[in-house]
Amino acid sequence: MSIQVSTRIDADTKQQFDRICAGIGISPSNALSIFIRSVINNNGIPFNLVAPPMTTVKMSKEAMFGCMRGQFKMADDFDAPLEDFKEYME
């Protein structure tokens, strides 16, 4: 049995996502299914979540000392985490 999952994103983000999925040759639905399965297989998000460098973002005192206490780091290459999904896309 399958169920429908929905989320809201802005139109530009959706258009970019659809274009990239088409370029890869998979549907947006399949891309999200791959992501969900990967979260399950990895028991967490299947790539590093990182925040922008402190020099480019002004953070409030509350943000700096929040629950993650600065443990996020911005990846140098935005596309690098996508390498983890190549085996699913072949």
N, C-alpha and C. Protein backbone atom coordinates (compact mmCIF):
# COMPACT_ATOMS: atom_id res chain seq x y z
N MET A 1 0.84 -1.17 0.00
CA MET A 1 0.00 0.00 0.00
C MET A 1 0.89 1.24 0.00
N SER A 2 0.54 2.22 -0.77
CA SER A 2 1.30 3.47 -0.78
C SER A 2 0.40 4.61 -0.34
N ILE A 3 1.02 5.65 0.20
CA ILE A 3 0.29 6.84 0.60
C ILE A 3 0.92 8.05 -0.06
N GLN A 4 0.17 9.11 -0.16
CA GLN A 4 0.67 10.33 -0.76
C GLN A 4 1.30 11.21 0.31
N VAL A 5 2.47 11.78 -0.02
CA VAL A 5 3.16 12.71 0.85
C VAL A 5 3.21 14.04 0.11
N SER A 6 2.95 15.13 0.80
CA SER A 6 3.00 16.43 0.12
C SER A 6 3.78 17.43 0.94
N THR A 7 4.32 18.41 0.26
CA THR A 7 5.05 19.50 0.90
C THR A 7 4.86 20.75 0.07
N ARG A 8 5.17 21.89 0.62
CA ARG A 8 5.06 23.15 -0.11
C ARG A 8 6.46 23.71 -0.35
N ILE A 9 6.72 24.09 -1.60
CA ILE A 9 7.95 24.77 -1.96
C ILE A 9 7.58 25.88 -2.94
N ASP A 10 8.47 26.84 -3.09
CA ASP A 10 8.15 27.94 -4.01
C ASP A 10 8.26 27.46 -5.45
N ALA A 11 7.60 28.18 -6.34
CA ALA A 11 7.49 27.78 -7.75
C ALA A 11 8.85 27.67 -8.43
N ASP A 12 9.77 28.58 -8.13
CA ASP A 12 11.09 28.54 -8.76
C ASP A 12 11.86 27.29 -8.35
N THR A 13 11.79 26.95 -7.06
CA THR A 13 12.46 25.74 -6.57
C THR A 13 11.88 24.50 -7.25
N LYS A 14 10.56 24.44 -7.35
CA LYS A 14 9.90 23.29 -8.01
C LYS A 14 10.33 23.18 -9.47
N GLN A 15 10.39 24.31 -10.16
CA GLN A 15 10.79 24.30 -11.57
C GLN A 15 12.24 23.80 -11.72
N GLN A 16 13.12 24.27 -10.86
CA GLN A 16 14.51 23.82 -10.91
C GLN A 16 14.61 22.32 -10.61
N PHE A 17 13.86 21.87 -9.60
CA PHE A 17 13.87 20.46 -9.23
C PHE A 17 13.37 19.59 -10.38
N ASP A 18 12.27 20.00 -11.00
CA ASP A 18 11.72 19.25 -12.14
C ASP A 18 12.72 19.18 -13.28
N ARG A 19 13.40 20.31 -13.57
CA ARG A 19 14.37 20.36 -14.66
C ARG A 19 15.55 19.42 -14.39
N ILE A 20 16.04 19.43 -13.17
CA ILE A 20 17.17 18.56 -12.82
C ILE A 20 16.75 17.09 -12.88
N CYS A 21 15.59 16.77 -12.35
CA CYS A 21 15.09 15.39 -12.41
C CYS A 21 14.95 14.92 -13.85
N ALA A 22 14.42 15.79 -14.72
CA ALA A 22 14.27 15.44 -16.13
C ALA A 22 15.65 15.19 -16.76
N GLY A 23 16.62 16.01 -16.40
CA GLY A 23 17.97 15.83 -16.93
C GLY A 23 18.61 14.52 -16.48
N ILE A 24 18.27 14.10 -15.28
CA ILE A 24 18.79 12.83 -14.75
C ILE A 24 18.02 11.65 -15.35
N GLY A 25 16.78 11.91 -15.75
CA GLY A 25 15.96 10.85 -16.33
C GLY A 25 15.06 10.16 -15.34
N ILE A 26 14.75 10.86 -14.23
CA ILE A 26 13.82 10.29 -13.26
C ILE A 26 12.72 11.31 -12.97
N SER A 27 11.61 10.84 -12.48
CA SER A 27 10.52 11.75 -12.12
C SER A 27 10.81 12.38 -10.76
N PRO A 28 10.24 13.55 -10.50
CA PRO A 28 10.39 14.14 -9.17
C PRO A 28 9.89 13.20 -8.07
N SER A 29 8.83 12.48 -8.34
CA SER A 29 8.31 11.52 -7.36
C SER A 29 9.35 10.44 -7.06
N ASN A 30 10.00 9.91 -8.11
CA ASN A 30 11.04 8.90 -7.90
C ASN A 30 12.23 9.47 -7.15
N ALA A 31 12.59 10.72 -7.45
CA ALA A 31 13.71 11.36 -6.75
C ALA A 31 13.42 11.46 -5.25
N LEU A 32 12.21 11.86 -4.90
CA LEU A 32 11.84 11.96 -3.49
C LEU A 32 11.77 10.58 -2.84
N SER A 33 11.31 9.59 -3.57
CA SER A 33 11.29 8.22 -3.04
C SER A 33 12.70 7.71 -2.77
N ILE A 34 13.63 8.04 -3.67
CA ILE A 34 15.04 7.66 -3.48
C ILE A 34 15.58 8.33 -2.23
N PHE A 35 15.29 9.61 -2.07
CA PHE A 35 15.75 10.33 -0.88
C PHE A 35 15.18 9.71 0.39
N ILE A 36 13.89 9.42 0.41
CA ILE A 36 13.26 8.84 1.59
C ILE A 36 13.88 7.47 1.92
N ARG A 37 14.07 6.63 0.90
CA ARG A 37 14.67 5.31 1.11
C ARG A 37 16.10 5.46 1.64
N SER A 38 16.83 6.45 1.13
CA SER A 38 18.19 6.68 1.58
C SER A 38 18.23 7.14 3.04
N VAL A 39 17.28 7.98 3.44
CA VAL A 39 17.18 8.39 4.84
C VAL A 39 16.97 7.17 5.73
N ILE A 40 16.11 6.27 5.30
CA ILE A 40 15.85 5.04 6.06
C ILE A 40 17.11 4.18 6.12
N ASN A 41 17.75 3.96 4.97
CA ASN A 41 18.94 3.11 4.92
C ASN A 41 20.10 3.67 5.74
N ASN A 42 20.21 5.00 5.80
CA ASN A 42 21.29 5.65 6.54
C ASN A 42 20.90 6.00 7.97
N ASN A 43 19.65 5.75 8.32
CA ASN A 43 19.13 6.11 9.64
C ASN A 43 19.38 7.60 9.92
N GLY A 44 19.21 8.41 8.88
CA GLY A 44 19.41 9.85 9.00
C GLY A 44 19.52 10.46 7.62
N ILE A 45 19.75 11.75 7.56
CA ILE A 45 19.91 12.43 6.28
C ILE A 45 21.18 11.90 5.62
N PRO A 46 21.11 11.51 4.34
CA PRO A 46 22.23 10.82 3.69
C PRO A 46 23.35 11.74 3.19
N PHE A 47 23.42 12.95 3.69
CA PHE A 47 24.52 13.85 3.34
C PHE A 47 24.71 14.81 4.50
N ASN A 48 25.86 15.47 4.52
CA ASN A 48 26.15 16.40 5.61
C ASN A 48 25.33 17.66 5.47
N LEU A 49 24.67 18.04 6.54
CA LEU A 49 23.95 19.31 6.58
C LEU A 49 24.91 20.33 7.19
N VAL A 50 25.11 21.41 6.48
CA VAL A 50 26.08 22.39 6.95
C VAL A 50 25.51 23.79 6.82
N ALA A 51 25.96 24.68 7.68
CA ALA A 51 25.55 26.08 7.64
C ALA A 51 26.59 26.90 6.89
N PRO A 52 26.20 28.05 6.36
CA PRO A 52 27.17 28.91 5.68
C PRO A 52 28.27 29.34 6.64
N PRO A 53 29.44 29.69 6.12
CA PRO A 53 30.51 30.17 7.00
C PRO A 53 30.04 31.39 7.79
N MET A 54 30.52 31.53 8.98
CA MET A 54 30.10 32.62 9.86
C MET A 54 30.40 33.99 9.26
N THR A 55 31.38 34.09 8.38
CA THR A 55 31.74 35.38 7.82
C THR A 55 30.69 35.90 6.84
N THR A 56 29.84 35.01 6.29
CA THR A 56 28.86 35.44 5.30
C THR A 56 27.45 35.56 5.87
N VAL A 57 27.24 35.08 7.07
CA VAL A 57 25.91 35.12 7.66
C VAL A 57 25.99 35.77 9.03
N LYS A 58 25.16 36.78 9.25
CA LYS A 58 25.09 37.38 10.58
C LYS A 58 24.08 36.58 11.38
N MET A 59 24.56 35.96 12.43
CA MET A 59 23.68 35.12 13.24
C MET A 59 23.39 35.82 14.57
N SER A 60 22.18 35.67 15.02
CA SER A 60 21.82 36.22 16.32
C SER A 60 22.44 35.36 17.41
N LYS A 61 22.50 35.90 18.60
CA LYS A 61 23.05 35.16 19.73
C LYS A 61 22.26 33.86 19.94
N GLU A 62 20.94 33.93 19.76
CA GLU A 62 20.10 32.75 19.93
C GLU A 62 20.44 31.67 18.90
N ALA A 63 20.70 32.10 17.66
CA ALA A 63 21.02 31.13 16.61
C ALA A 63 22.37 30.47 16.88
N MET A 64 23.34 31.26 17.33
CA MET A 64 24.68 30.71 17.57
C MET A 64 24.66 29.70 18.71
N PHE A 65 23.81 29.91 19.69
CA PHE A 65 23.80 29.03 20.84
C PHE A 65 22.53 28.18 20.89
N GLY A 66 22.02 27.84 19.71
CA GLY A 66 20.83 27.02 19.61
C GLY A 66 21.14 25.55 19.88
N CYS A 67 20.23 24.69 19.54
CA CYS A 67 20.34 23.28 19.87
C CYS A 67 21.53 22.61 19.18
N MET A 68 21.96 23.09 18.02
CA MET A 68 23.08 22.45 17.32
C MET A 68 24.41 23.14 17.61
N ARG A 69 24.42 24.27 18.26
CA ARG A 69 25.62 24.97 18.70
C ARG A 69 26.71 25.04 17.64
N GLY A 70 26.34 25.45 16.42
CA GLY A 70 27.33 25.66 15.37
C GLY A 70 27.91 24.40 14.77
N GLN A 71 27.23 23.27 14.88
CA GLN A 71 27.77 22.01 14.37
C GLN A 71 27.57 21.83 12.88
N PHE A 72 26.85 22.73 12.23
CA PHE A 72 26.64 22.65 10.79
C PHE A 72 27.75 23.39 10.06
N LYS A 73 28.14 22.87 8.90
CA LYS A 73 29.15 23.53 8.06
C LYS A 73 28.67 23.49 6.62
N MET A 74 28.92 24.55 5.86
CA MET A 74 28.51 24.63 4.47
C MET A 74 29.50 23.84 3.60
N ALA A 75 28.96 22.99 2.76
CA ALA A 75 29.79 22.24 1.83
C ALA A 75 30.33 23.20 0.77
N ASP A 76 31.57 22.98 0.34
CA ASP A 76 32.16 23.81 -0.71
C ASP A 76 31.47 23.58 -2.04
N ASP A 77 31.07 22.33 -2.30
CA ASP A 77 30.45 21.98 -3.57
C ASP A 77 29.04 21.50 -3.31
N PHE A 78 28.05 22.30 -3.73
CA PHE A 78 26.66 21.97 -3.47
C PHE A 78 26.27 20.62 -4.07
N ASP A 79 26.83 20.27 -5.24
CA ASP A 79 26.45 19.04 -5.92
C ASP A 79 27.14 17.79 -5.37
N ALA A 80 28.16 17.96 -4.53
CA ALA A 80 28.89 16.81 -4.03
C ALA A 80 28.00 15.77 -3.34
N PRO A 81 27.03 16.16 -2.50
CA PRO A 81 26.19 15.14 -1.86
C PRO A 81 25.37 14.33 -2.87
N LEU A 82 25.13 14.88 -4.05
CA LEU A 82 24.36 14.15 -5.05
C LEU A 82 25.10 12.91 -5.55
N GLU A 83 26.42 12.90 -5.40
CA GLU A 83 27.20 11.73 -5.79
C GLU A 83 26.72 10.48 -5.07
N ASP A 84 26.23 10.65 -3.84
CA ASP A 84 25.74 9.52 -3.05
C ASP A 84 24.54 8.84 -3.69
N PHE A 85 23.82 9.54 -4.57
CA PHE A 85 22.61 9.00 -5.15
C PHE A 85 22.84 8.37 -6.53
N LYS A 86 24.06 8.45 -7.07
CA LYS A 86 24.31 7.96 -8.42
C LYS A 86 23.92 6.48 -8.57
N GLU A 87 24.20 5.67 -7.55
CA GLU A 87 23.88 4.24 -7.66
C GLU A 87 22.38 4.00 -7.80
N TYR A 88 21.56 4.88 -7.25
CA TYR A 88 20.10 4.75 -7.37
C TYR A 88 19.60 5.19 -8.73
N MET A 89 20.39 6.05 -9.39
CA MET A 89 19.93 6.64 -10.64
C MET A 89 20.31 5.82 -11.86
N GLU A 90 21.12 4.82 -11.69
CA GLU A 90 21.55 4.01 -12.84
C GLU A 90 20.59 2.90 -13.14
